[in-house]
Amino acid sequence: DIISTVEFNHTGELLATGDKGGRVVIFQREPESKNAPHSQGEYDVYSTFQSHEPEFDYLKSLEIEEKINKIKWLPQQNAAHSLLSTNDKTIKLWKITERDKRPEGYNLKDEEGKLKDLSTVTSL
């Protein structure tokens, strides 16, 4: 889709883009490598999510498109990042945070249903 808004966070580490389809894509700056010490301009996709869906305002008989008009990063208060996104009608607050990946449920059992040794689990 066509990008409708772009916003860096306060440190420049994260870049959020909003598009006409209502999606937000967050990019994270790659850490500086020893092989290429001046490659600070490269960003990788960090997260993608659907922020807004098309709506219909029955009081005004208007269709509200999902296009993201503005993105704003809030000052960071803890380990999570906070992001506001808005279309023509709704402002949404998003909490962006890391989750630990750990084996859970079926990943802990072998084909016979017996629990595996956690040290042998190498993928989720």
PDB file of N, CA and C in Angstrom:
ATOM      1  N   ASP A   1       0.821  -1.201   0.000  1.00  0.00           N
ATOM      2  CA  ASP A   1       0.000   0.000   0.000  1.00  0.00           C
ATOM      3  C   ASP A   1       0.860   1.259   0.000  1.00  0.00           C
ATOM      4  N   ILE A   2       0.209   2.372  -0.141  1.00  0.00           N
ATOM      5  CA  ILE A   2       0.902   3.655  -0.193  1.00  0.00           C
ATOM      6  C   ILE A   2       1.075   4.199   1.214  1.00  0.00           C
ATOM      7  N   ILE A   3       2.316   4.589   1.557  1.00  0.00           N
ATOM      8  CA  ILE A   3       2.608   5.131   2.888  1.00  0.00           C
ATOM      9  C   ILE A   3       1.956   6.497   3.015  1.00  0.00           C
ATOM     10  N   SER A   4       1.239   6.709   4.136  1.00  0.00           N
ATOM     11  CA  SER A   4       0.549   7.972   4.352  1.00  0.00           C
ATOM     12  C   SER A   4       1.179   8.808   5.464  1.00  0.00           C
ATOM     13  N   THR A   5       1.992   8.201   6.324  1.00  0.00           N
ATOM     14  CA  THR A   5       2.661   8.943   7.391  1.00  0.00           C
ATOM     15  C   THR A   5       3.906   8.197   7.856  1.00  0.00           C
ATOM     16  N   VAL A   6       4.884   8.955   8.346  1.00  0.00           N
ATOM     17  CA  VAL A   6       6.153   8.393   8.828  1.00  0.00           C
ATOM     18  C   VAL A   6       6.550   9.160  10.089  1.00  0.00           C
ATOM     19  N   GLU A   7       7.077   8.441  11.087  1.00  0.00           N
ATOM     20  CA  GLU A   7       7.503   9.112  12.322  1.00  0.00           C
ATOM     21  C   GLU A   7       8.629   8.319  12.988  1.00  0.00           C
ATOM     22  N   PHE A   8       9.740   8.998  13.303  1.00  0.00           N
ATOM     23  CA  PHE A   8      10.822   8.412  14.096  1.00  0.00           C
ATOM     24  C   PHE A   8      10.487   8.562  15.573  1.00  0.00           C
ATOM     25  N   ASN A   9      10.981   7.608  16.406  1.00  0.00           N
ATOM     26  CA  ASN A   9      10.851   7.818  17.847  1.00  0.00           C
ATOM     27  C   ASN A   9      11.919   8.818  18.292  1.00  0.00           C
ATOM     28  N   HIS A  10      11.962   9.147  19.576  1.00  0.00           N
ATOM     29  CA  HIS A  10      12.830  10.215  20.081  1.00  0.00           C
ATOM     30  C   HIS A  10      14.314   9.915  19.915  1.00  0.00           C
ATOM     31  N   THR A  11      14.700   8.636  19.926  1.00  0.00           N
ATOM     32  CA  THR A  11      16.116   8.274  19.796  1.00  0.00           C
ATOM     33  C   THR A  11      16.523   8.017  18.352  1.00  0.00           C
ATOM     34  N   GLY A  12      15.564   7.863  17.452  1.00  0.00           N
ATOM     35  CA  GLY A  12      15.862   7.536  16.063  1.00  0.00           C
ATOM     36  C   GLY A  12      16.094   6.055  15.839  1.00  0.00           C
ATOM     37  N   GLU A  13      15.963   5.252  16.887  1.00  0.00           N
ATOM     38  CA  GLU A  13      16.170   3.804  16.769  1.00  0.00           C
ATOM     39  C   GLU A  13      14.997   3.138  16.052  1.00  0.00           C
ATOM     40  N   LEU A  14      13.787   3.652  16.242  1.00  0.00           N
ATOM     41  CA  LEU A  14      12.591   3.068  15.646  1.00  0.00           C
ATOM     42  C   LEU A  14      11.950   4.049  14.668  1.00  0.00           C
ATOM     43  N   LEU A  15      11.423   3.507  13.592  1.00  0.00           N
ATOM     44  CA  LEU A  15      10.735   4.284  12.574  1.00  0.00           C
ATOM     45  C   LEU A  15       9.391   3.618  12.323  1.00  0.00           C
ATOM     46  N   ALA A  16       8.300   4.364  12.482  1.00  0.00           N
ATOM     47  CA  ALA A  16       6.969   3.814  12.243  1.00  0.00           C
ATOM     48  C   ALA A  16       6.387   4.443  10.990  1.00  0.00           C
ATOM     49  N   THR A  17       5.783   3.605  10.147  1.00  0.00           N
ATOM     50  CA  THR A  17       5.097   4.090   8.955  1.00  0.00           C
ATOM     51  C   THR A  17       3.649   3.622   9.007  1.00  0.00           C
ATOM     52  N   GLY A  18       2.750   4.462   8.552  1.00  0.00           N
ATOM     53  CA  GLY A  18       1.339   4.105   8.431  1.00  0.00           C
ATOM     54  C   GLY A  18       0.968   4.169   6.967  1.00  0.00           C
ATOM     55  N   ASP A  19       0.042   3.319   6.540  1.00  0.00           N
ATOM     56  CA  ASP A  19      -0.321   3.322   5.120  1.00  0.00           C
ATOM     57  C   ASP A  19      -1.819   3.505   4.929  1.00  0.00           C
ATOM     58  N   LYS A  20      -2.231   3.587   3.681  1.00  0.00           N
ATOM     59  CA  LYS A  20      -3.639   3.811   3.352  1.00  0.00           C
ATOM     60  C   LYS A  20      -4.502   2.596   3.674  1.00  0.00           C
ATOM     61  N   GLY A  21      -3.891   1.435   3.872  1.00  0.00           N
ATOM     62  CA  GLY A  21      -4.626   0.222   4.232  1.00  0.00           C
ATOM     63  C   GLY A  21      -4.823   0.066   5.727  1.00  0.00           C
ATOM     64  N   GLY A  22      -4.379   1.041   6.540  1.00  0.00           N
ATOM     65  CA  GLY A  22      -4.568   0.996   7.988  1.00  0.00           C
ATOM     66  C   GLY A  22      -3.506   0.210   8.731  1.00  0.00           C
ATOM     67  N   ARG A  23      -2.423  -0.165   8.072  1.00  0.00           N
ATOM     68  CA  ARG A  23      -1.359  -0.941   8.713  1.00  0.00           C
ATOM     69  C   ARG A  23      -0.254  -0.019   9.230  1.00  0.00           C
ATOM     70  N   VAL A  24       0.362  -0.456  10.309  1.00  0.00           N
ATOM     71  CA  VAL A  24       1.546   0.209  10.849  1.00  0.00           C
ATOM     72  C   VAL A  24       2.699  -0.776  10.726  1.00  0.00           C
ATOM     73  N   VAL A  25       3.811  -0.307  10.170  1.00  0.00           N
ATOM     74  CA  VAL A  25       5.027  -1.110  10.086  1.00  0.00           C
ATOM     75  C   VAL A  25       6.095  -0.361  10.874  1.00  0.00           C
ATOM     76  N   ILE A  26       6.720  -1.056  11.816  1.00  0.00           N
ATOM     77  CA  ILE A  26       7.773  -0.459  12.636  1.00  0.00           C
ATOM     78  C   ILE A  26       9.100  -1.054  12.206  1.00  0.00           C
ATOM     79  N   PHE A  27      10.056  -0.187  11.938  1.00  0.00           N
ATOM     80  CA  PHE A  27      11.408  -0.593  11.563  1.00  0.00           C
ATOM     81  C   PHE A  27      12.347  -0.250  12.707  1.00  0.00           C
ATOM     82  N   GLN A  28      13.361  -1.096  12.914  1.00  0.00           N
ATOM     83  CA  GLN A  28      14.373  -0.857  13.946  1.00  0.00           C
ATOM     84  C   GLN A  28      15.731  -0.710  13.277  1.00  0.00           C
ATOM     85  N   ARG A  29      16.487   0.283  13.732  1.00  0.00           N
ATOM     86  CA  ARG A  29      17.810   0.511  13.162  1.00  0.00           C
ATOM     87  C   ARG A  29      18.728  -0.641  13.522  1.00  0.00           C
ATOM     88  N   GLU A  30      19.487  -1.103  12.532  1.00  0.00           N
ATOM     89  CA  GLU A  30      20.442  -2.178  12.767  1.00  0.00           C
ATOM     90  C   GLU A  30      21.587  -1.657  13.623  1.00  0.00           C
ATOM     91  N   PRO A  31      22.092  -2.484  14.547  1.00  0.00           N
ATOM     92  CA  PRO A  31      23.259  -2.046  15.323  1.00  0.00           C
ATOM     93  C   PRO A  31      24.474  -1.890  14.420  1.00  0.00           C
ATOM     94  N   GLU A  32      25.331  -0.976  14.782  1.00  0.00           N
ATOM     95  CA  GLU A  32      26.542  -0.724  13.992  1.00  0.00           C
ATOM     96  C   GLU A  32      27.459  -1.944  14.062  1.00  0.00           C
ATOM     97  N   SER A  33      27.879  -2.425  12.908  1.00  0.00           N
ATOM     98  CA  SER A  33      28.744  -3.613  12.881  1.00  0.00           C
ATOM     99  C   SER A  33      30.209  -3.189  12.821  1.00  0.00           C
ATOM    100  N   LYS A  34      31.080  -4.102  13.212  1.00  0.00           N
ATOM    101  CA  LYS A  34      32.518  -3.807  13.179  1.00  0.00           C
ATOM    102  C   LYS A  34      33.048  -3.772  11.750  1.00  0.00           C
ATOM    103  N   ASN A  35      32.405  -4.549  10.848  1.00  0.00           N
ATOM    104  CA  ASN A  35      32.845  -4.586   9.461  1.00  0.00           C
ATOM    105  C   ASN A  35      32.482  -3.298   8.717  1.00  0.00           C
ATOM    106  N   ALA A  36      31.320  -2.734   9.043  1.00  0.00           N
ATOM    107  CA  ALA A  36      30.884  -1.497   8.388  1.00  0.00           C
ATOM    108  C   ALA A  36      30.504  -0.485   9.470  1.00  0.00           C
ATOM    109  N   PRO A  37      31.480   0.206  10.043  1.00  0.00           N
ATOM    110  CA  PRO A  37      31.207   1.072  11.190  1.00  0.00           C
ATOM    111  C   PRO A  37      30.304   2.278  10.891  1.00  0.00           C
ATOM    112  N   HIS A  38      30.141   2.670   9.653  1.00  0.00           N
ATOM    113  CA  HIS A  38      29.331   3.848   9.352  1.00  0.00           C
ATOM    114  C   HIS A  38      28.018   3.497   8.660  1.00  0.00           C
ATOM    115  N   SER A  39      27.483   2.295   8.930  1.00  0.00           N
ATOM    116  CA  SER A  39      26.231   1.869   8.285  1.00  0.00           C
ATOM    117  C   SER A  39      25.059   2.082   9.238  1.00  0.00           C
ATOM    118  N   GLN A  40      24.841   3.329   9.644  1.00  0.00           N
ATOM    119  CA  GLN A  40      23.769   3.623  10.595  1.00  0.00           C
ATOM    120  C   GLN A  40      22.418   3.830   9.922  1.00  0.00           C
ATOM    121  N   GLY A  41      22.338   3.897   8.610  1.00  0.00           N
ATOM    122  CA  GLY A  41      21.100   4.225   7.941  1.00  0.00           C
ATOM    123  C   GLY A  41      20.230   3.042   7.593  1.00  0.00           C
ATOM    124  N   GLU A  42      20.567   1.838   8.036  1.00  0.00           N
ATOM    125  CA  GLU A  42      19.815   0.660   7.641  1.00  0.00           C
ATOM    126  C   GLU A  42      18.830   0.248   8.734  1.00  0.00           C
ATOM    127  N   TYR A  43      17.587  -0.005   8.311  1.00  0.00           N
ATOM    128  CA  TYR A  43      16.521  -0.405   9.229  1.00  0.00           C
ATOM    129  C   TYR A  43      15.934  -1.728   8.764  1.00  0.00           C
ATOM    130  N   ASP A  44      15.573  -2.581   9.728  1.00  0.00           N
ATOM    131  CA  ASP A  44      14.910  -3.856   9.448  1.00  0.00           C
ATOM    132  C   ASP A  44      13.503  -3.809  10.024  1.00  0.00           C
ATOM    133  N   VAL A  45      12.593  -4.601   9.450  1.00  0.00           N
ATOM    134  CA  VAL A  45      11.229  -4.663   9.966  1.00  0.00           C
ATOM    135  C   VAL A  45      11.259  -5.242  11.370  1.00  0.00           C
ATOM    136  N   TYR A  46      10.652  -4.536  12.302  1.00  0.00           N
ATOM    137  CA  TYR A  46      10.594  -4.935  13.709  1.00  0.00           C
ATOM    138  C   TYR A  46       9.220  -5.525  14.035  1.00  0.00           C
ATOM    139  N   SER A  47       8.159  -4.881  13.541  1.00  0.00           N
ATOM    140  CA  SER A  47       6.807  -5.349  13.826  1.00  0.00           C
ATOM    141  C   SER A  47       5.848  -4.779  12.778  1.00  0.00           C
ATOM    142  N   THR A  48       4.778  -5.504  12.518  1.00  0.00           N
ATOM    143  CA  THR A  48       3.731  -5.057  11.616  1.00  0.00           C
ATOM    144  C   THR A  48       2.389  -5.411  12.238  1.00  0.00           C
ATOM    145  N   PHE A  49       1.440  -4.492  12.196  1.00  0.00           N
ATOM    146  CA  PHE A  49       0.106  -4.802  12.701  1.00  0.00           C
ATOM    147  C   PHE A  49      -0.939  -3.936  12.020  1.00  0.00           C
ATOM    148  N   GLN A  50      -2.172  -4.427  12.029  1.00  0.00           N
ATOM    149  CA  GLN A  50      -3.306  -3.695  11.472  1.00  0.00           C
ATOM    150  C   GLN A  50      -3.819  -2.758  12.550  1.00  0.00           C
ATOM    151  N   SER A  51      -3.747  -1.477  12.305  1.00  0.00           N
ATOM    152  CA  SER A  51      -4.160  -0.491  13.295  1.00  0.00           C
ATOM    153  C   SER A  51      -5.632  -0.117  13.148  1.00  0.00           C
ATOM    154  N   HIS A  52      -6.059   0.206  11.936  1.00  0.00           N
ATOM    155  CA  HIS A  52      -7.424   0.656  11.716  1.00  0.00           C
ATOM    156  C   HIS A  52      -8.107  -0.158  10.619  1.00  0.00           C
ATOM    157  N   GLU A  53      -9.399  -0.344  10.766  1.00  0.00           N
ATOM    158  CA  GLU A  53     -10.246  -1.017   9.792  1.00  0.00           C
ATOM    159  C   GLU A  53     -11.239   0.012   9.230  1.00  0.00           C
ATOM    160  N   PRO A  54     -11.776  -0.217   8.034  1.00  0.00           N
ATOM    161  CA  PRO A  54     -12.798   0.706   7.533  1.00  0.00           C
ATOM    162  C   PRO A  54     -14.045   0.648   8.428  1.00  0.00           C
ATOM    163  N   GLU A  55     -14.675   1.802   8.638  1.00  0.00           N
ATOM    164  CA  GLU A  55     -15.863   1.887   9.487  1.00  0.00           C
ATOM    165  C   GLU A  55     -16.944   2.671   8.758  1.00  0.00           C
ATOM    166  N   PHE A  56     -18.160   2.607   9.294  1.00  0.00           N
ATOM    167  CA  PHE A  56     -19.238   3.431   8.769  1.00  0.00           C
ATOM    168  C   PHE A  56     -19.849   4.193   9.925  1.00  0.00           C
ATOM    169  N   ASP A  57     -19.896   5.524   9.818  1.00  0.00           N
ATOM    170  CA  ASP A  57     -20.504   6.382  10.839  1.00  0.00           C
ATOM    171  C   ASP A  57     -21.984   6.519  10.486  1.00  0.00           C
ATOM    172  N   TYR A  58     -22.831   5.825  11.252  1.00  0.00           N
ATOM    173  CA  TYR A  58     -24.254   5.801  10.951  1.00  0.00           C
ATOM    174  C   TYR A  58     -24.930   7.136  11.245  1.00  0.00           C
ATOM    175  N   LEU A  59     -24.409   7.914  12.180  1.00  0.00           N
ATOM    176  CA  LEU A  59     -25.010   9.213  12.496  1.00  0.00           C
ATOM    177  C   LEU A  59     -24.807  10.224  11.367  1.00  0.00           C
ATOM    178  N   LYS A  60     -23.652  10.179  10.727  1.00  0.00           N
ATOM    179  CA  LYS A  60     -23.343  11.129   9.655  1.00  0.00           C
ATOM    180  C   LYS A  60     -23.460  10.500   8.269  1.00  0.00           C
ATOM    181  N   SER A  61     -23.782   9.214   8.215  1.00  0.00           N
ATOM    182  CA  SER A  61     -23.864   8.469   6.945  1.00  0.00           C
ATOM    183  C   SER A  61     -22.594   8.630   6.120  1.00  0.00           C
ATOM    184  N   LEU A  62     -21.461   8.445   6.788  1.00  0.00           N
ATOM    185  CA  LEU A  62     -20.160   8.565   6.138  1.00  0.00           C
ATOM    186  C   LEU A  62     -19.364   7.289   6.312  1.00  0.00           C
ATOM    187  N   GLU A  63     -18.673   6.911   5.262  1.00  0.00           N
ATOM    188  CA  GLU A  63     -17.731   5.801   5.376  1.00  0.00           C
ATOM    189  C   GLU A  63     -16.385   6.378   5.799  1.00  0.00           C
ATOM    190  N   ILE A  64     -15.792   5.800   6.828  1.00  0.00           N
ATOM    191  CA  ILE A  64     -14.507   6.272   7.332  1.00  0.00           C
ATOM    192  C   ILE A  64     -13.450   5.282   6.878  1.00  0.00           C
ATOM    193  N   GLU A  65     -12.520   5.758   6.066  1.00  0.00           N
ATOM    194  CA  GLU A  65     -11.488   4.858   5.544  1.00  0.00           C
ATOM    195  C   GLU A  65     -10.455   4.559   6.622  1.00  0.00           C
ATOM    196  N   GLU A  66      -9.718   3.489   6.397  1.00  0.00           N
ATOM    197  CA  GLU A  66      -8.745   3.003   7.374  1.00  0.00           C
ATOM    198  C   GLU A  66      -7.400   3.717   7.296  1.00  0.00           C
ATOM    199  N   LYS A  67      -7.225   4.601   6.346  1.00  0.00           N
ATOM    200  CA  LYS A  67      -5.948   5.298   6.129  1.00  0.00           C
ATOM    201  C   LYS A  67      -5.441   5.952   7.420  1.00  0.00           C
ATOM    202  N   ILE A  68      -4.173   5.701   7.741  1.00  0.00           N
ATOM    203  CA  ILE A  68      -3.548   6.296   8.926  1.00  0.00           C
ATOM    204  C   ILE A  68      -3.113   7.716   8.562  1.00  0.00           C
ATOM    205  N   ASN A  69      -3.640   8.682   9.292  1.00  0.00           N
ATOM    206  CA  ASN A  69      -3.318  10.088   9.035  1.00  0.00           C
ATOM    207  C   ASN A  69      -2.059  10.544   9.765  1.00  0.00           C
ATOM    208  N   LYS A  70      -1.844  10.038  10.972  1.00  0.00           N
ATOM    209  CA  LYS A  70      -0.720  10.511  11.789  1.00  0.00           C
ATOM    210  C   LYS A  70      -0.294   9.425  12.751  1.00  0.00           C
ATOM    211  N   ILE A  71       1.015   9.356  12.975  1.00  0.00           N
ATOM    212  CA  ILE A  71       1.607   8.479  13.993  1.00  0.00           C
ATOM    213  C   ILE A  71       2.437   9.365  14.906  1.00  0.00           C
ATOM    214  N   LYS A  72       2.365   9.109  16.196  1.00  0.00           N
ATOM    215  CA  LYS A  72       3.150   9.892  17.160  1.00  0.00           C
ATOM    216  C   LYS A  72       3.697   8.953  18.231  1.00  0.00           C
ATOM    217  N   TRP A  73       5.018   8.988  18.426  1.00  0.00           N
ATOM    218  CA  TRP A  73       5.648   8.223  19.496  1.00  0.00           C
ATOM    219  C   TRP A  73       5.520   9.025  20.787  1.00  0.00           C
ATOM    220  N   LEU A  74       5.213   8.353  21.875  1.00  0.00           N
ATOM    221  CA  LEU A  74       5.165   9.011  23.182  1.00  0.00           C
ATOM    222  C   LEU A  74       6.514   8.836  23.868  1.00  0.00           C
ATOM    223  N   PRO A  75       6.883   9.740  24.774  1.00  0.00           N
ATOM    224  CA  PRO A  75       8.148   9.563  25.500  1.00  0.00           C
ATOM    225  C   PRO A  75       8.157   8.219  26.232  1.00  0.00           C
ATOM    226  N   GLN A  76       9.292   7.547  26.191  1.00  0.00           N
ATOM    227  CA  GLN A  76       9.404   6.206  26.777  1.00  0.00           C
ATOM    228  C   GLN A  76       9.468   6.299  28.293  1.00  0.00           C
ATOM    229  N   GLN A  77       8.581   5.565  28.972  1.00  0.00           N
ATOM    230  CA  GLN A  77       8.511   5.550  30.438  1.00  0.00           C
ATOM    231  C   GLN A  77       9.113   4.275  31.037  1.00  0.00           C
ATOM    232  N   ASN A  78       9.154   3.199  30.270  1.00  0.00           N
ATOM    233  CA  ASN A  78       9.681   1.914  30.749  1.00  0.00           C
ATOM    234  C   ASN A  78      10.252   1.157  29.548  1.00  0.00           C
ATOM    235  N   ALA A  79      10.356  -0.152  29.646  1.00  0.00           N
ATOM    236  CA  ALA A  79      10.955  -0.941  28.561  1.00  0.00           C
ATOM    237  C   ALA A  79      10.088  -0.949  27.302  1.00  0.00           C
ATOM    238  N   ALA A  80       8.796  -0.695  27.457  1.00  0.00           N
ATOM    239  CA  ALA A  80       7.890  -0.698  26.306  1.00  0.00           C
ATOM    240  C   ALA A  80       7.876   0.676  25.634  1.00  0.00           C
ATOM    241  N   HIS A  81       7.597   0.672  24.347  1.00  0.00           N
ATOM    242  CA  HIS A  81       7.415   1.911  23.590  1.00  0.00           C
ATOM    243  C   HIS A  81       5.913   2.116  23.404  1.00  0.00           C
ATOM    244  N   SER A  82       5.480   3.369  23.393  1.00  0.00           N
ATOM    245  CA  SER A  82       4.071   3.676  23.180  1.00  0.00           C
ATOM    246  C   SER A  82       3.920   4.501  21.911  1.00  0.00           C
ATOM    247  N   LEU A  83       2.863   4.204  21.163  1.00  0.00           N
ATOM    248  CA  LEU A  83       2.652   4.791  19.855  1.00  0.00           C
ATOM    249  C   LEU A  83       1.180   5.140  19.704  1.00  0.00           C
ATOM    250  N   LEU A  84       0.885   6.346  19.214  1.00  0.00           N
ATOM    251  CA  LEU A  84      -0.473   6.734  18.887  1.00  0.00           C
ATOM    252  C   LEU A  84      -0.638   6.681  17.376  1.00  0.00           C
ATOM    253  N   SER A  85      -1.770   6.164  16.909  1.00  0.00           N
ATOM    254  CA  SER A  85      -2.082   6.192  15.484  1.00  0.00           C
ATOM    255  C   SER A  85      -3.517   6.674  15.332  1.00  0.00           C
ATOM    256  N   THR A  86      -3.783   7.422  14.263  1.00  0.00           N
ATOM    257  CA  THR A  86      -5.122   7.958  14.080  1.00  0.00           C
ATOM    258  C   THR A  86      -5.551   7.913  12.616  1.00  0.00           C
ATOM    259  N   ASN A  87      -6.844   7.669  12.424  1.00  0.00           N
ATOM    260  CA  ASN A  87      -7.446   7.851  11.112  1.00  0.00           C
ATOM    261  C   ASN A  87      -8.388   9.056  11.228  1.00  0.00           C
ATOM    262  N   ASP A  88      -9.408   9.159  10.391  1.00  0.00           N
ATOM    263  CA  ASP A  88     -10.281  10.335  10.434  1.00  0.00           C
ATOM    264  C   ASP A  88     -11.184  10.383  11.661  1.00  0.00           C
ATOM    265  N   LYS A  89     -11.345   9.267  12.375  1.00  0.00           N
ATOM    266  CA  LYS A  89     -12.296   9.224  13.486  1.00  0.00           C
ATOM    267  C   LYS A  89     -11.696   8.769  14.814  1.00  0.00           C
ATOM    268  N   THR A  90     -10.760   7.826  14.773  1.00  0.00           N
ATOM    269  CA  THR A  90     -10.324   7.132  15.987  1.00  0.00           C
ATOM    270  C   THR A  90      -8.834   7.305  16.236  1.00  0.00           C
ATOM    271  N   ILE A  91      -8.487   7.554  17.498  1.00  0.00           N
ATOM    272  CA  ILE A  91      -7.086   7.569  17.933  1.00  0.00           C
ATOM    273  C   ILE A  91      -6.864   6.289  18.732  1.00  0.00           C
ATOM    274  N   LYS A  92      -5.792   5.568  18.408  1.00  0.00           N
ATOM    275  CA  LYS A  92      -5.481   4.327  19.122  1.00  0.00           C
ATOM    276  C   LYS A  92      -4.110   4.426  19.762  1.00  0.00           C
ATOM    277  N   LEU A  93      -4.011   3.883  20.972  1.00  0.00           N
ATOM    278  CA  LEU A  93      -2.753   3.829  21.712  1.00  0.00           C
ATOM    279  C   LEU A  93      -2.245   2.395  21.649  1.00  0.00           C
ATOM    280  N   TRP A  94      -0.989   2.235  21.207  1.00  0.00           N
ATOM    281  CA  TRP A  94      -0.376   0.909  21.086  1.00  0.00           C
ATOM    282  C   TRP A  94       0.830   0.817  21.999  1.00  0.00           C
ATOM    283  N   LYS A  95       0.958  -0.317  22.669  1.00  0.00           N
ATOM    284  CA  LYS A  95       2.121  -0.603  23.514  1.00  0.00           C
ATOM    285  C   LYS A  95       2.986  -1.605  22.759  1.00  0.00           C
ATOM    286  N   ILE A  96       4.215  -1.201  22.435  1.00  0.00           N
ATOM    287  CA  ILE A  96       5.140  -2.043  21.681  1.00  0.00           C
ATOM    288  C   ILE A  96       6.174  -2.580  22.663  1.00  0.00           C
ATOM    289  N   THR A  97       6.210  -3.900  22.824  1.00  0.00           N
ATOM    290  CA  THR A  97       7.120  -4.500  23.798  1.00  0.00           C
ATOM    291  C   THR A  97       7.631  -5.835  23.282  1.00  0.00           C
ATOM    292  N   GLU A  98       8.754  -6.262  23.794  1.00  0.00           N
ATOM    293  CA  GLU A  98       9.347  -7.564  23.440  1.00  0.00           C
ATOM    294  C   GLU A  98       8.696  -8.649  24.286  1.00  0.00           C
ATOM    295  N   ARG A  99       8.569  -9.815  23.698  1.00  0.00           N
ATOM    296  CA  ARG A  99       8.092 -10.974  24.448  1.00  0.00           C
ATOM    297  C   ARG A  99       9.166 -12.049  24.406  1.00  0.00           C
ATOM    298  N   ASP A 100       9.332 -12.734  25.516  1.00  0.00           N
ATOM    299  CA  ASP A 100      10.267 -13.848  25.552  1.00  0.00           C
ATOM    300  C   ASP A 100       9.630 -15.041  24.855  1.00  0.00           C
ATOM    301  N   LYS A 101      10.386 -15.683  23.986  1.00  0.00           N
ATOM    302  CA  LYS A 101       9.915 -16.903  23.348  1.00  0.00           C
ATOM    303  C   LYS A 101      10.346 -18.068  24.214  1.00  0.00           C
ATOM    304  N   ARG A 102       9.411 -18.910  24.574  1.00  0.00           N
ATOM    305  CA  ARG A 102       9.736 -20.071  25.389  1.00  0.00           C
ATOM    306  C   ARG A 102       8.868 -21.247  24.965  1.00  0.00           C
ATOM    307  N   PRO A 103       9.394 -22.443  25.081  1.00  0.00           N
ATOM    308  CA  PRO A 103       8.592 -23.608  24.706  1.00  0.00           C
ATOM    309  C   PRO A 103       7.382 -23.740  25.621  1.00  0.00           C
ATOM    310  N   GLU A 104       6.249 -24.075  25.016  1.00  0.00           N
ATOM    311  CA  GLU A 104       5.023 -24.136  25.786  1.00  0.00           C
ATOM    312  C   GLU A 104       4.054 -25.082  25.086  1.00  0.00           C
ATOM    313  N   GLY A 105       3.221 -25.753  25.844  1.00  0.00           N
ATOM    314  CA  GLY A 105       2.175 -26.598  25.261  1.00  0.00           C
ATOM    315  C   GLY A 105       2.734 -27.789  24.515  1.00  0.00           C
ATOM    316  N   TYR A 106       2.337 -27.925  23.245  1.00  0.00           N
ATOM    317  CA  TYR A 106       2.731 -29.079  22.445  1.00  0.00           C
ATOM    318  C   TYR A 106       4.232 -29.126  22.192  1.00  0.00           C
ATOM    319  N   ASN A 107       4.909 -28.000  22.269  1.00  0.00           N
ATOM    320  CA  ASN A 107       6.359 -27.983  22.055  1.00  0.00           C
ATOM    321  C   ASN A 107       7.105 -28.779  23.126  1.00  0.00           C
ATOM    322  N   LEU A 108       6.469 -29.008  24.255  1.00  0.00           N
ATOM    323  CA  LEU A 108       7.124 -29.703  25.359  1.00  0.00           C
ATOM    324  C   LEU A 108       6.896 -31.212  25.335  1.00  0.00           C
ATOM    325  N   LYS A 109       6.110 -31.690  24.380  1.00  0.00           N
ATOM    326  CA  LYS A 109       5.788 -33.119  24.355  1.00  0.00           C
ATOM    327  C   LYS A 109       6.292 -33.755  23.068  1.00  0.00           C
ATOM    328  N   ASP A 110       6.701 -35.023  23.190  1.00  0.00           N
ATOM    329  CA  ASP A 110       7.123 -35.744  21.987  1.00  0.00           C
ATOM    330  C   ASP A 110       5.895 -36.376  21.316  1.00  0.00           C
ATOM    331  N   GLU A 111       6.137 -37.235  20.304  1.00  0.00           N
ATOM    332  CA  GLU A 111       5.042 -37.826  19.545  1.00  0.00           C
ATOM    333  C   GLU A 111       4.120 -38.694  20.398  1.00  0.00           C
ATOM    334  N   GLU A 112       4.648 -39.292  21.462  1.00  0.00           N
ATOM    335  CA  GLU A 112       3.828 -40.139  22.342  1.00  0.00           C
ATOM    336  C   GLU A 112       3.134 -39.338  23.434  1.00  0.00           C
ATOM    337  N   GLY A 113       3.351 -38.029  23.500  1.00  0.00           N
ATOM    338  CA  GLY A 113       2.711 -37.207  24.514  1.00  0.00           C
ATOM    339  C   GLY A 113       3.499 -37.089  25.805  1.00  0.00           C
ATOM    340  N   LYS A 114       4.729 -37.635  25.838  1.00  0.00           N
ATOM    341  CA  LYS A 114       5.559 -37.541  27.037  1.00  0.00           C
ATOM    342  C   LYS A 114       6.321 -36.228  27.029  1.00  0.00           C
ATOM    343  N   LEU A 115       6.559 -35.663  28.210  1.00  0.00           N
ATOM    344  CA  LEU A 115       7.289 -34.409  28.320  1.00  0.00           C
ATOM    345  C   LEU A 115       8.730 -34.574  27.880  1.00  0.00           C
ATOM    346  N   LYS A 116       9.219 -33.621  27.075  1.00  0.00           N
ATOM    347  CA  LYS A 116      10.614 -33.621  26.621  1.00  0.00           C
ATOM    348  C   LYS A 116      11.492 -32.981  27.669  1.00  0.00           C
ATOM    349  N   ASP A 117      12.774 -33.276  27.597  1.00  0.00           N
ATOM    350  CA  ASP A 117      13.756 -32.578  28.413  1.00  0.00           C
ATOM    351  C   ASP A 117      13.922 -31.174  27.820  1.00  0.00           C
ATOM    352  N   LEU A 118      13.771 -30.128  28.621  1.00  0.00           N
ATOM    353  CA  LEU A 118      13.812 -28.753  28.127  1.00  0.00           C
ATOM    354  C   LEU A 118      15.138 -28.411  27.449  1.00  0.00           C
ATOM    355  N   SER A 119      16.207 -29.070  27.831  1.00  0.00           N
ATOM    356  CA  SER A 119      17.508 -28.777  27.210  1.00  0.00           C
ATOM    357  C   SER A 119      17.582 -29.265  25.779  1.00  0.00           C
ATOM    358  N   THR A 120      16.669 -30.170  25.378  1.00  0.00           N
ATOM    359  CA  THR A 120      16.682 -30.693  24.012  1.00  0.00           C
ATOM    360  C   THR A 120      15.759 -29.916  23.074  1.00  0.00           C
ATOM    361  N   VAL A 121      14.935 -29.028  23.615  1.00  0.00           N
ATOM    362  CA  VAL A 121      14.009 -28.245  22.789  1.00  0.00           C
ATOM    363  C   VAL A 121      14.795 -27.121  22.146  1.00  0.00           C
ATOM    364  N   THR A 122      14.877 -27.132  20.812  1.00  0.00           N
ATOM    365  CA  THR A 122      15.675 -26.123  20.096  1.00  0.00           C
ATOM    366  C   THR A 122      14.838 -25.199  19.227  1.00  0.00           C
ATOM    367  N   SER A 123      13.550 -25.523  19.017  1.00  0.00           N
ATOM    368  CA  SER A 123      12.711 -24.649  18.195  1.00  0.00           C
ATOM    369  C   SER A 123      11.301 -24.614  18.782  1.00  0.00           C
ATOM    370  N   LEU A 124      10.582 -23.564  18.413  1.00  0.00           N
ATOM    371  CA  LEU A 124       9.213 -23.422  18.911  1.00  0.00           C
ATOM    372  C   LEU A 124       8.213 -23.926  17.887  1.00  0.00           C
TER     373      LEU A 124
END
